[in-house]
């Protein structure tokens, strides 16, 4: 069953990411290179790509040769990242636009379906009881580096992927506060997932 779910989730992940890329290219307002850079400036895209890569590598991980994939905490970190993707969209971003047609389908896959599926997979198959709280500090590296990257690039390009990090409109102080809040959310969710893992054994 685990192998089947790995295949299905991997396919869904790649379909959503590639589908979104095609749609963004078709509706681009900037040159293809800049559009591509902007595409990979979204935390949603980077994290869903990470999910797709994880499930793809897991499927081809014969005899568990890829140690990093099997290390307790790897799946938990990915689950936390994709959970934040879903939560931020549902709470902050959903009301900002109303996609239609294929865009709506892909959008729901990236922000709703895939986060829920990954959480389910985590609950079923992660070796949760062995994960320790200090792992949170490692898990915060990815979102921290991401925030630094989009703020630096935005300063030169004028493009910010999300309204709550738009320095031009909000000012640097407000954006730094928003970024700090996001990191607190990451840390809080990380602690919650670890706590849940203490009550489950698999």
N, C-alpha and C. Protein backbone atom coordinates (compact mmCIF):
# COMPACT_ATOMS: atom_id res chain seq x y z
N UNK A 1 0.83 -1.21 0.00
CA UNK A 1 0.00 0.00 0.00
C UNK A 1 0.87 1.26 0.00
N UNK A 2 1.94 1.24 0.78
CA UNK A 2 2.83 2.40 0.85
C UNK A 2 3.42 2.71 -0.51
N UNK A 3 3.83 1.66 -1.24
CA UNK A 3 4.43 1.85 -2.56
C UNK A 3 3.42 2.45 -3.53
N UNK A 4 2.19 1.99 -3.47
CA UNK A 4 1.14 2.51 -4.35
C UNK A 4 0.87 3.98 -4.06
N UNK A 5 0.76 4.31 -2.78
CA UNK A 5 0.52 5.71 -2.42
C UNK A 5 1.70 6.60 -2.84
N UNK A 6 2.90 6.06 -2.74
CA UNK A 6 4.08 6.81 -3.16
C UNK A 6 4.00 7.17 -4.64
N UNK A 7 3.59 6.20 -5.45
CA UNK A 7 3.44 6.44 -6.89
C UNK A 7 2.36 7.47 -7.17
N UNK A 8 1.20 7.29 -6.56
CA UNK A 8 0.07 8.19 -6.80
C UNK A 8 0.40 9.61 -6.38
N UNK A 9 0.96 9.76 -5.19
CA UNK A 9 1.26 11.09 -4.68
C UNK A 9 2.35 11.76 -5.50
N UNK A 10 3.32 10.97 -5.96
CA UNK A 10 4.38 11.52 -6.80
C UNK A 10 3.82 12.04 -8.12
N UNK A 11 2.94 11.27 -8.74
CA UNK A 11 2.32 11.67 -10.00
C UNK A 11 1.49 12.93 -9.82
N UNK A 12 0.70 12.96 -8.75
CA UNK A 12 -0.13 14.15 -8.49
C UNK A 12 0.73 15.39 -8.26
N UNK A 13 1.85 15.20 -7.55
CA UNK A 13 2.74 16.31 -7.29
C UNK A 13 3.32 16.89 -8.56
N UNK A 14 3.84 16.03 -9.43
CA UNK A 14 4.44 16.50 -10.69
C UNK A 14 3.39 17.11 -11.59
N UNK A 15 2.19 16.51 -11.63
CA UNK A 15 1.12 17.06 -12.47
C UNK A 15 0.78 18.48 -12.04
N UNK A 16 0.67 18.70 -10.73
CA UNK A 16 0.30 20.02 -10.23
C UNK A 16 1.39 21.06 -10.52
N UNK A 17 2.65 20.70 -10.27
CA UNK A 17 3.75 21.64 -10.47
C UNK A 17 3.94 21.96 -11.95
N UNK A 18 3.98 20.93 -12.78
CA UNK A 18 4.17 21.14 -14.21
C UNK A 18 2.98 21.87 -14.81
N UNK A 19 1.77 21.50 -14.36
CA UNK A 19 0.57 22.16 -14.85
C UNK A 19 0.59 23.64 -14.51
N UNK A 20 1.01 23.97 -13.30
CA UNK A 20 1.07 25.38 -12.90
C UNK A 20 2.12 26.14 -13.71
N UNK A 21 3.24 25.48 -14.00
CA UNK A 21 4.30 26.12 -14.79
C UNK A 21 3.80 26.44 -16.20
N UNK A 22 3.12 25.49 -16.81
CA UNK A 22 2.58 25.70 -18.16
C UNK A 22 1.58 26.85 -18.16
N UNK A 23 0.70 26.87 -17.17
CA UNK A 23 -0.30 27.93 -17.09
C UNK A 23 0.36 29.29 -16.87
N UNK A 24 1.41 29.32 -16.07
CA UNK A 24 2.09 30.59 -15.81
C UNK A 24 2.82 31.09 -17.05
N UNK A 25 3.41 30.17 -17.82
CA UNK A 25 4.09 30.55 -19.05
C UNK A 25 3.07 31.08 -20.07
N UNK A 26 1.93 30.40 -20.16
CA UNK A 26 0.91 30.83 -21.11
C UNK A 26 0.34 32.21 -20.78
N UNK A 27 0.31 32.55 -19.51
CA UNK A 27 -0.28 33.82 -19.08
C UNK A 27 0.77 34.80 -18.58
N UNK A 28 1.99 34.64 -19.03
CA UNK A 28 3.10 35.45 -18.50
C UNK A 28 2.96 36.92 -18.88
N UNK A 29 3.47 37.75 -17.98
CA UNK A 29 3.51 39.19 -18.21
C UNK A 29 4.96 39.67 -18.24
N UNK A 30 5.88 38.71 -18.24
CA UNK A 30 7.31 39.02 -18.29
C UNK A 30 7.96 38.02 -19.23
N UNK A 31 9.20 38.25 -19.66
CA UNK A 31 9.91 37.29 -20.52
C UNK A 31 9.97 35.91 -19.88
N UNK A 32 10.17 34.88 -20.69
CA UNK A 32 10.13 33.50 -20.22
C UNK A 32 11.14 33.25 -19.09
N UNK A 33 12.36 33.75 -19.23
CA UNK A 33 13.37 33.54 -18.19
C UNK A 33 12.93 34.16 -16.87
N UNK A 34 12.47 35.39 -16.93
CA UNK A 34 12.02 36.06 -15.70
C UNK A 34 10.79 35.36 -15.12
N UNK A 35 9.90 34.91 -15.99
CA UNK A 35 8.71 34.19 -15.53
C UNK A 35 9.11 32.90 -14.83
N UNK A 36 10.10 32.21 -15.38
CA UNK A 36 10.57 30.96 -14.77
C UNK A 36 11.19 31.23 -13.41
N UNK A 37 11.98 32.29 -13.31
CA UNK A 37 12.57 32.65 -12.02
C UNK A 37 11.48 32.99 -11.01
N UNK A 38 10.49 33.73 -11.46
CA UNK A 38 9.37 34.08 -10.57
C UNK A 38 8.61 32.83 -10.14
N UNK A 39 8.45 31.90 -11.06
CA UNK A 39 7.74 30.65 -10.76
C UNK A 39 8.40 29.94 -9.58
N UNK A 40 9.72 29.86 -9.64
CA UNK A 40 10.44 29.17 -8.57
C UNK A 40 10.75 30.08 -7.38
N UNK A 41 10.13 31.27 -7.38
CA UNK A 41 10.25 32.15 -6.22
C UNK A 41 9.07 31.98 -5.27
N UNK A 42 8.11 31.15 -5.66
CA UNK A 42 6.97 30.88 -4.79
C UNK A 42 7.27 29.70 -3.87
N UNK A 43 7.07 29.90 -2.58
CA UNK A 43 7.28 28.82 -1.61
C UNK A 43 6.38 27.63 -1.93
N UNK A 44 5.19 27.93 -2.42
CA UNK A 44 4.26 26.87 -2.82
C UNK A 44 4.87 25.96 -3.87
N UNK A 45 5.49 26.54 -4.88
CA UNK A 45 6.07 25.76 -5.97
C UNK A 45 7.29 24.99 -5.49
N UNK A 46 8.17 25.65 -4.77
CA UNK A 46 9.37 24.99 -4.27
C UNK A 46 9.00 23.81 -3.37
N UNK A 47 8.02 24.00 -2.52
CA UNK A 47 7.67 22.94 -1.56
C UNK A 47 6.92 21.80 -2.23
N UNK A 48 6.03 22.12 -3.16
CA UNK A 48 5.35 21.05 -3.90
C UNK A 48 6.34 20.28 -4.77
N UNK A 49 7.33 20.96 -5.30
CA UNK A 49 8.39 20.27 -6.05
C UNK A 49 9.16 19.36 -5.13
N UNK A 50 9.45 19.84 -3.92
CA UNK A 50 10.14 19.01 -2.92
C UNK A 50 9.32 17.77 -2.60
N UNK A 51 8.02 17.93 -2.48
CA UNK A 51 7.13 16.79 -2.23
C UNK A 51 7.20 15.80 -3.38
N UNK A 52 7.10 16.30 -4.61
CA UNK A 52 7.14 15.42 -5.79
C UNK A 52 8.47 14.68 -5.88
N UNK A 53 9.57 15.38 -5.61
CA UNK A 53 10.89 14.76 -5.63
C UNK A 53 10.99 13.69 -4.55
N UNK A 54 10.48 14.00 -3.37
CA UNK A 54 10.53 13.03 -2.26
C UNK A 54 9.83 11.73 -2.62
N UNK A 55 8.62 11.82 -3.14
CA UNK A 55 7.87 10.61 -3.46
C UNK A 55 8.49 9.87 -4.66
N UNK A 56 9.04 10.61 -5.60
CA UNK A 56 9.70 9.97 -6.74
C UNK A 56 10.93 9.19 -6.29
N UNK A 57 11.77 9.83 -5.48
CA UNK A 57 12.97 9.16 -4.98
C UNK A 57 12.60 7.99 -4.07
N UNK A 58 11.54 8.16 -3.30
CA UNK A 58 11.10 7.08 -2.40
C UNK A 58 10.70 5.85 -3.20
N UNK A 59 10.05 6.06 -4.34
CA UNK A 59 9.62 4.93 -5.17
C UNK A 59 10.83 4.17 -5.72
N UNK A 60 11.85 4.91 -6.14
CA UNK A 60 13.02 4.28 -6.74
C UNK A 60 14.11 3.95 -5.71
N UNK A 61 13.80 4.12 -4.45
CA UNK A 61 14.77 3.87 -3.40
C UNK A 61 14.83 2.38 -3.07
N UNK A 62 15.34 1.60 -4.01
CA UNK A 62 15.43 0.16 -3.83
C UNK A 62 16.40 -0.18 -2.71
N UNK A 63 15.97 -1.07 -1.83
CA UNK A 63 16.80 -1.56 -0.71
C UNK A 63 17.23 -0.41 0.22
N UNK A 64 16.43 0.67 0.21
CA UNK A 64 16.66 1.77 1.14
C UNK A 64 18.09 2.34 1.07
N UNK A 65 18.58 2.52 -0.14
CA UNK A 65 19.94 3.03 -0.32
C UNK A 65 20.06 4.52 -0.01
N UNK A 66 18.97 5.25 -0.22
CA UNK A 66 19.01 6.69 0.04
C UNK A 66 18.69 6.92 1.52
N UNK A 67 19.74 6.99 2.32
CA UNK A 67 19.59 7.05 3.77
C UNK A 67 18.80 8.27 4.21
N UNK A 68 19.03 9.41 3.54
CA UNK A 68 18.35 10.65 3.95
C UNK A 68 16.84 10.52 3.89
N UNK A 69 16.33 9.76 2.92
CA UNK A 69 14.89 9.59 2.78
C UNK A 69 14.30 8.81 3.95
N UNK A 70 15.08 7.88 4.48
CA UNK A 70 14.59 7.00 5.54
C UNK A 70 14.86 7.54 6.94
N UNK A 71 15.64 8.61 7.02
CA UNK A 71 15.99 9.18 8.31
C UNK A 71 14.75 9.81 8.94
N UNK A 72 14.41 9.41 10.17
CA UNK A 72 13.25 10.02 10.84
C UNK A 72 13.40 11.53 10.89
N UNK A 73 12.37 12.22 10.47
CA UNK A 73 12.40 13.67 10.46
C UNK A 73 12.36 14.25 9.06
N UNK A 74 12.85 13.51 8.08
CA UNK A 74 12.85 14.02 6.71
C UNK A 74 11.42 14.24 6.22
N UNK A 75 10.60 13.22 6.36
CA UNK A 75 9.20 13.34 5.94
C UNK A 75 8.46 14.35 6.81
N UNK A 76 8.80 14.40 8.09
CA UNK A 76 8.14 15.35 8.99
C UNK A 76 8.42 16.79 8.56
N UNK A 77 9.66 17.08 8.23
CA UNK A 77 10.02 18.43 7.78
C UNK A 77 9.24 18.80 6.53
N UNK A 78 9.20 17.90 5.55
CA UNK A 78 8.46 18.16 4.31
C UNK A 78 6.98 18.36 4.61
N UNK A 79 6.45 17.56 5.53
CA UNK A 79 5.04 17.69 5.89
C UNK A 79 4.74 19.04 6.53
N UNK A 80 5.64 19.51 7.37
CA UNK A 80 5.47 20.83 7.99
C UNK A 80 5.48 21.93 6.93
N UNK A 81 6.41 21.84 5.99
CA UNK A 81 6.50 22.86 4.94
C UNK A 81 5.22 22.91 4.11
N UNK A 82 4.74 21.75 3.70
CA UNK A 82 3.56 21.72 2.84
C UNK A 82 2.30 22.07 3.63
N UNK A 83 2.30 21.79 4.94
CA UNK A 83 1.18 22.19 5.79
C UNK A 83 1.09 23.71 5.88
N UNK A 84 2.24 24.37 5.99
CA UNK A 84 2.26 25.83 6.02
C UNK A 84 1.75 26.39 4.70
N UNK A 85 2.12 25.75 3.60
CA UNK A 85 1.62 26.15 2.28
C UNK A 85 0.08 26.16 2.30
N UNK A 86 -0.48 25.07 2.79
CA UNK A 86 -1.93 24.96 2.82
C UNK A 86 -2.58 25.96 3.76
N UNK A 87 -2.03 26.11 4.95
CA UNK A 87 -2.61 27.00 5.94
C UNK A 87 -2.56 28.46 5.51
N UNK A 88 -1.40 28.90 5.01
CA UNK A 88 -1.27 30.29 4.59
C UNK A 88 -2.23 30.60 3.45
N UNK A 89 -2.37 29.65 2.54
CA UNK A 89 -3.29 29.89 1.43
C UNK A 89 -4.73 29.99 1.92
N UNK A 90 -5.15 29.03 2.75
CA UNK A 90 -6.54 29.02 3.20
C UNK A 90 -6.87 30.23 4.06
N UNK A 91 -5.93 30.68 4.88
CA UNK A 91 -6.20 31.76 5.83
C UNK A 91 -5.96 33.15 5.23
N UNK A 92 -4.89 33.27 4.44
CA UNK A 92 -4.46 34.60 3.99
C UNK A 92 -4.74 34.88 2.51
N UNK A 93 -4.53 33.88 1.66
CA UNK A 93 -4.48 34.14 0.22
C UNK A 93 -5.73 33.75 -0.57
N UNK A 94 -6.53 32.85 -0.05
CA UNK A 94 -7.64 32.32 -0.83
C UNK A 94 -8.57 33.41 -1.34
N UNK A 95 -8.85 34.41 -0.50
CA UNK A 95 -9.82 35.44 -0.88
C UNK A 95 -9.26 36.45 -1.88
N UNK A 96 -7.96 36.35 -2.18
CA UNK A 96 -7.34 37.35 -3.05
C UNK A 96 -7.57 37.10 -4.53
N UNK A 97 -7.93 35.86 -4.90
CA UNK A 97 -8.22 35.61 -6.31
C UNK A 97 -9.13 34.39 -6.45
N UNK A 98 -9.83 34.33 -7.58
CA UNK A 98 -10.78 33.26 -7.85
C UNK A 98 -10.43 32.60 -9.19
N UNK A 99 -9.52 31.65 -9.19
CA UNK A 99 -9.13 30.99 -10.44
C UNK A 99 -10.27 30.16 -11.01
N UNK A 100 -10.22 29.92 -12.30
CA UNK A 100 -11.26 29.14 -12.97
C UNK A 100 -10.64 28.06 -13.84
N UNK A 101 -11.45 27.09 -14.20
CA UNK A 101 -11.02 26.03 -15.12
C UNK A 101 -9.85 25.22 -14.58
N UNK A 102 -8.89 24.92 -15.47
CA UNK A 102 -7.73 24.12 -15.10
C UNK A 102 -6.92 24.79 -14.01
N UNK A 103 -6.85 26.13 -14.05
CA UNK A 103 -6.10 26.85 -13.03
C UNK A 103 -6.68 26.58 -11.64
N UNK A 104 -7.99 26.50 -11.53
CA UNK A 104 -8.62 26.23 -10.25
C UNK A 104 -8.27 24.82 -9.77
N UNK A 105 -8.28 23.86 -10.68
CA UNK A 105 -7.96 22.48 -10.32
C UNK A 105 -6.51 22.38 -9.81
N UNK A 106 -5.59 22.95 -10.58
CA UNK A 106 -4.18 22.91 -10.20
C UNK A 106 -3.96 23.65 -8.89
N UNK A 107 -4.64 24.78 -8.75
CA UNK A 107 -4.49 25.58 -7.54
C UNK A 107 -4.92 24.81 -6.30
N UNK A 108 -6.05 24.10 -6.40
CA UNK A 108 -6.54 23.32 -5.26
C UNK A 108 -5.62 22.14 -4.98
N UNK A 109 -5.03 21.58 -6.01
CA UNK A 109 -4.09 20.48 -5.80
C UNK A 109 -2.87 20.96 -5.02
N UNK A 110 -2.33 22.10 -5.43
CA UNK A 110 -1.11 22.63 -4.81
C UNK A 110 -1.34 23.06 -3.36
N UNK A 111 -2.51 23.63 -3.08
CA UNK A 111 -2.72 24.25 -1.78
C UNK A 111 -3.63 23.48 -0.83
N UNK A 112 -4.37 22.51 -1.35
CA UNK A 112 -5.31 21.78 -0.50
C UNK A 112 -5.10 20.27 -0.55
N UNK A 113 -5.23 19.69 -1.74
CA UNK A 113 -5.17 18.23 -1.87
C UNK A 113 -3.82 17.67 -1.47
N UNK A 114 -2.75 18.18 -2.05
CA UNK A 114 -1.42 17.63 -1.77
C UNK A 114 -1.03 17.82 -0.30
N UNK A 115 -1.25 18.99 0.30
CA UNK A 115 -0.97 19.10 1.74
C UNK A 115 -1.69 18.05 2.57
N UNK A 116 -2.97 17.81 2.29
CA UNK A 116 -3.73 16.81 3.04
C UNK A 116 -3.19 15.40 2.82
N UNK A 117 -2.83 15.09 1.58
CA UNK A 117 -2.30 13.76 1.28
C UNK A 117 -0.96 13.52 1.96
N UNK A 118 -0.13 14.55 1.99
CA UNK A 118 1.18 14.40 2.64
C UNK A 118 1.01 14.21 4.15
N UNK A 119 0.11 14.95 4.74
CA UNK A 119 -0.17 14.78 6.17
C UNK A 119 -0.64 13.35 6.44
N UNK A 120 -1.50 12.82 5.60
CA UNK A 120 -1.97 11.44 5.74
C UNK A 120 -0.81 10.46 5.63
N UNK A 121 0.05 10.65 4.64
CA UNK A 121 1.19 9.77 4.44
C UNK A 121 2.12 9.84 5.66
N UNK A 122 2.34 11.05 6.16
CA UNK A 122 3.17 11.23 7.35
C UNK A 122 2.59 10.44 8.53
N UNK A 123 1.30 10.56 8.73
CA UNK A 123 0.66 9.89 9.85
C UNK A 123 0.79 8.37 9.75
N UNK A 124 0.69 7.88 8.54
CA UNK A 124 0.73 6.42 8.34
C UNK A 124 2.13 5.84 8.39
N UNK A 125 3.13 6.57 7.89
CA UNK A 125 4.41 5.92 7.63
C UNK A 125 5.65 6.56 8.27
N UNK A 126 5.57 7.76 8.78
CA UNK A 126 6.75 8.34 9.40
C UNK A 126 7.05 7.67 10.75
N UNK A 127 8.33 7.48 11.03
CA UNK A 127 8.74 6.94 12.32
C UNK A 127 8.77 8.10 13.32
N UNK A 128 7.60 8.51 13.73
CA UNK A 128 7.43 9.77 14.43
C UNK A 128 7.97 9.78 15.86
N UNK A 129 7.90 8.66 16.54
CA UNK A 129 8.23 8.64 17.97
C UNK A 129 9.71 8.86 18.26
N UNK A 130 10.57 8.79 17.25
CA UNK A 130 12.01 8.94 17.47
C UNK A 130 12.50 10.37 17.21
N UNK A 131 11.62 11.25 16.76
CA UNK A 131 12.03 12.61 16.40
C UNK A 131 12.11 13.48 17.65
N UNK A 132 13.20 14.24 17.75
CA UNK A 132 13.44 15.08 18.92
C UNK A 132 13.21 16.56 18.59
N UNK A 133 12.90 17.33 19.61
CA UNK A 133 12.62 18.76 19.45
C UNK A 133 13.78 19.58 18.85
N UNK A 134 15.03 19.26 19.14
CA UNK A 134 16.13 20.04 18.53
C UNK A 134 16.14 20.03 17.01
N UNK A 135 15.44 19.05 16.40
CA UNK A 135 15.37 18.99 14.94
C UNK A 135 14.70 20.23 14.36
N UNK A 136 13.92 20.91 15.18
CA UNK A 136 13.20 22.10 14.71
C UNK A 136 14.17 23.14 14.16
N UNK A 137 15.34 23.29 14.80
CA UNK A 137 16.30 24.29 14.36
C UNK A 137 16.79 24.00 12.94
N UNK A 138 16.97 22.73 12.59
CA UNK A 138 17.38 22.36 11.23
C UNK A 138 16.24 22.61 10.25
N UNK A 139 15.04 22.32 10.67
CA UNK A 139 13.88 22.47 9.78
C UNK A 139 13.62 23.93 9.43
N UNK A 140 14.04 24.85 10.30
CA UNK A 140 13.81 26.28 10.05
C UNK A 140 14.78 26.86 9.03
N UNK A 141 15.82 26.12 8.67
CA UNK A 141 16.81 26.64 7.73
C UNK A 141 16.17 26.93 6.36
N UNK A 142 15.40 25.99 5.86
CA UNK A 142 14.79 26.16 4.53
C UNK A 142 13.90 27.40 4.44
N UNK A 143 12.91 27.57 5.33
CA UNK A 143 12.08 28.78 5.22
C UNK A 143 12.86 30.06 5.50
N UNK A 144 13.87 29.99 6.36
CA UNK A 144 14.67 31.18 6.65
C UNK A 144 15.47 31.63 5.43
N UNK A 145 16.12 30.67 4.76
CA UNK A 145 16.87 30.98 3.55
C UNK A 145 15.93 31.48 2.46
N UNK A 146 14.76 30.88 2.37
CA UNK A 146 13.77 31.32 1.37
C UNK A 146 13.38 32.77 1.59
N UNK A 147 13.07 33.13 2.81
CA UNK A 147 12.66 34.50 3.11
C UNK A 147 13.77 35.50 2.78
N UNK A 148 14.99 35.16 3.13
CA UNK A 148 16.12 36.04 2.81
C UNK A 148 16.26 36.20 1.31
N UNK A 149 16.12 35.09 0.58
CA UNK A 149 16.26 35.12 -0.88
C UNK A 149 15.22 36.02 -1.54
N UNK A 150 13.94 35.85 -1.18
CA UNK A 150 12.90 36.62 -1.88
C UNK A 150 12.98 38.11 -1.51
N UNK A 151 13.46 38.42 -0.31
CA UNK A 151 13.60 39.83 0.06
C UNK A 151 14.77 40.48 -0.68
N UNK A 152 15.86 39.75 -0.82
CA UNK A 152 17.01 40.29 -1.56
C UNK A 152 16.67 40.43 -3.03
N UNK A 153 16.08 39.38 -3.61
CA UNK A 153 15.74 39.45 -5.05
C UNK A 153 14.68 40.51 -5.30
N UNK A 154 13.70 40.59 -4.40
CA UNK A 154 12.65 41.58 -4.57
C UNK A 154 13.19 42.99 -4.54
N UNK A 155 14.23 43.21 -3.76
CA UNK A 155 14.83 44.54 -3.68
C UNK A 155 15.41 44.99 -5.02
N UNK A 156 15.90 43.99 -5.82
CA UNK A 156 16.49 44.31 -7.11
C UNK A 156 15.48 44.20 -8.27
N UNK A 157 14.56 43.26 -8.16
CA UNK A 157 13.63 43.02 -9.28
C UNK A 157 12.29 43.73 -9.11
N UNK A 158 11.93 44.04 -7.87
CA UNK A 158 10.62 44.65 -7.62
C UNK A 158 9.51 43.63 -7.55
N UNK A 159 9.85 42.32 -7.65
CA UNK A 159 8.84 41.26 -7.61
C UNK A 159 8.89 40.54 -6.27
N UNK A 160 7.75 40.55 -5.59
CA UNK A 160 7.60 39.80 -4.34
C UNK A 160 6.46 38.80 -4.54
N UNK A 161 6.72 37.52 -4.30
CA UNK A 161 5.72 36.49 -4.63
C UNK A 161 4.45 36.52 -3.79
N UNK A 162 4.53 37.12 -2.60
CA UNK A 162 3.35 37.14 -1.72
C UNK A 162 3.15 38.56 -1.17
N UNK A 163 1.89 38.97 -1.00
CA UNK A 163 1.61 40.35 -0.54
C UNK A 163 2.16 40.66 0.85
N UNK A 164 2.28 39.65 1.72
CA UNK A 164 2.74 39.91 3.08
C UNK A 164 4.26 40.05 3.17
N UNK A 165 4.96 39.92 2.03
CA UNK A 165 6.41 40.17 2.02
C UNK A 165 6.76 41.25 0.99
N UNK A 166 5.76 42.01 0.57
CA UNK A 166 5.97 43.06 -0.42
C UNK A 166 6.50 44.32 0.28
N UNK A 167 7.81 44.49 0.24
CA UNK A 167 8.45 45.61 0.91
C UNK A 167 8.00 46.94 0.33
N UNK A 168 7.78 46.99 -0.99
CA UNK A 168 7.39 48.24 -1.64
C UNK A 168 6.06 48.77 -1.10
N UNK A 169 5.15 47.86 -0.76
CA UNK A 169 3.83 48.28 -0.29
C UNK A 169 3.73 48.36 1.23
N UNK A 170 4.42 47.46 1.92
CA UNK A 170 4.28 47.38 3.37
C UNK A 170 5.41 48.05 4.14
N UNK A 171 6.56 48.17 3.49
CA UNK A 171 7.72 48.68 4.20
C UNK A 171 8.52 47.54 4.81
N UNK A 172 9.81 47.73 4.97
CA UNK A 172 10.68 46.67 5.43
C UNK A 172 10.35 46.22 6.86
N UNK A 173 10.04 47.15 7.74
CA UNK A 173 9.75 46.80 9.13
C UNK A 173 8.56 45.85 9.24
N UNK A 174 7.48 46.16 8.52
CA UNK A 174 6.29 45.31 8.55
C UNK A 174 6.58 43.94 7.95
N UNK A 175 7.34 43.91 6.88
CA UNK A 175 7.67 42.63 6.25
C UNK A 175 8.54 41.77 7.17
N UNK A 176 9.46 42.40 7.88
CA UNK A 176 10.30 41.65 8.81
C UNK A 176 9.46 41.07 9.95
N UNK A 177 8.47 41.82 10.39
CA UNK A 177 7.56 41.32 11.42
C UNK A 177 6.77 40.13 10.87
N UNK A 178 6.24 40.27 9.64
CA UNK A 178 5.51 39.18 9.02
C UNK A 178 6.38 37.94 8.86
N UNK A 179 7.63 38.14 8.47
CA UNK A 179 8.57 37.03 8.30
C UNK A 179 8.83 36.34 9.63
N UNK A 180 8.98 37.12 10.68
CA UNK A 180 9.20 36.55 12.01
C UNK A 180 7.99 35.74 12.45
N UNK A 181 6.79 36.25 12.16
CA UNK A 181 5.57 35.52 12.51
C UNK A 181 5.52 34.18 11.77
N UNK A 182 5.89 34.20 10.50
CA UNK A 182 5.90 32.96 9.72
C UNK A 182 6.86 31.94 10.31
N UNK A 183 8.03 32.39 10.72
CA UNK A 183 9.00 31.47 11.31
C UNK A 183 8.49 30.92 12.64
N UNK A 184 7.77 31.74 13.39
CA UNK A 184 7.15 31.25 14.63
C UNK A 184 6.11 30.18 14.32
N UNK A 185 5.35 30.40 13.24
CA UNK A 185 4.36 29.40 12.80
C UNK A 185 5.05 28.10 12.43
N UNK A 186 6.14 28.20 11.69
CA UNK A 186 6.90 27.00 11.34
C UNK A 186 7.36 26.26 12.60
N UNK A 187 7.92 27.00 13.54
CA UNK A 187 8.43 26.39 14.77
C UNK A 187 7.29 25.78 15.59
N UNK A 188 6.18 26.50 15.67
CA UNK A 188 5.04 26.00 16.42
C UNK A 188 4.46 24.72 15.83
N UNK A 189 4.31 24.71 14.51
CA UNK A 189 3.82 23.50 13.84
C UNK A 189 4.79 22.34 14.01
N UNK A 190 6.07 22.65 13.94
CA UNK A 190 7.08 21.62 14.12
C UNK A 190 6.94 20.97 15.49
N UNK A 191 6.79 21.80 16.51
CA UNK A 191 6.63 21.28 17.86
C UNK A 191 5.35 20.45 17.98
N UNK A 192 4.29 20.92 17.30
CA UNK A 192 3.02 20.20 17.34
C UNK A 192 3.15 18.83 16.69
N UNK A 193 3.80 18.77 15.53
CA UNK A 193 3.97 17.48 14.85
C UNK A 193 4.81 16.53 15.70
N UNK A 194 5.85 17.04 16.33
CA UNK A 194 6.67 16.20 17.19
C UNK A 194 5.85 15.69 18.37
N UNK A 195 5.05 16.59 18.93
CA UNK A 195 4.20 16.22 20.06
C UNK A 195 3.22 15.13 19.67
N UNK A 196 2.61 15.28 18.52
CA UNK A 196 1.68 14.25 18.04
C UNK A 196 2.41 12.92 17.88
N UNK A 197 3.65 12.99 17.37
CA UNK A 197 4.42 11.77 17.17
C UNK A 197 4.71 11.03 18.45
N UNK A 198 4.76 11.74 19.57
CA UNK A 198 5.02 11.10 20.86
C UNK A 198 3.88 10.18 21.28
N UNK A 199 2.69 10.42 20.72
CA UNK A 199 1.53 9.62 21.09
C UNK A 199 1.25 8.50 20.08
N UNK A 200 2.06 8.43 19.05
CA UNK A 200 1.86 7.38 18.05
C UNK A 200 3.14 6.61 17.86
N UNK A 201 3.01 5.37 17.55
CA UNK A 201 4.18 4.51 17.31
C UNK A 201 3.97 3.76 16.01
N UNK A 202 4.93 3.90 15.09
CA UNK A 202 4.86 3.15 13.83
C UNK A 202 6.23 3.05 13.24
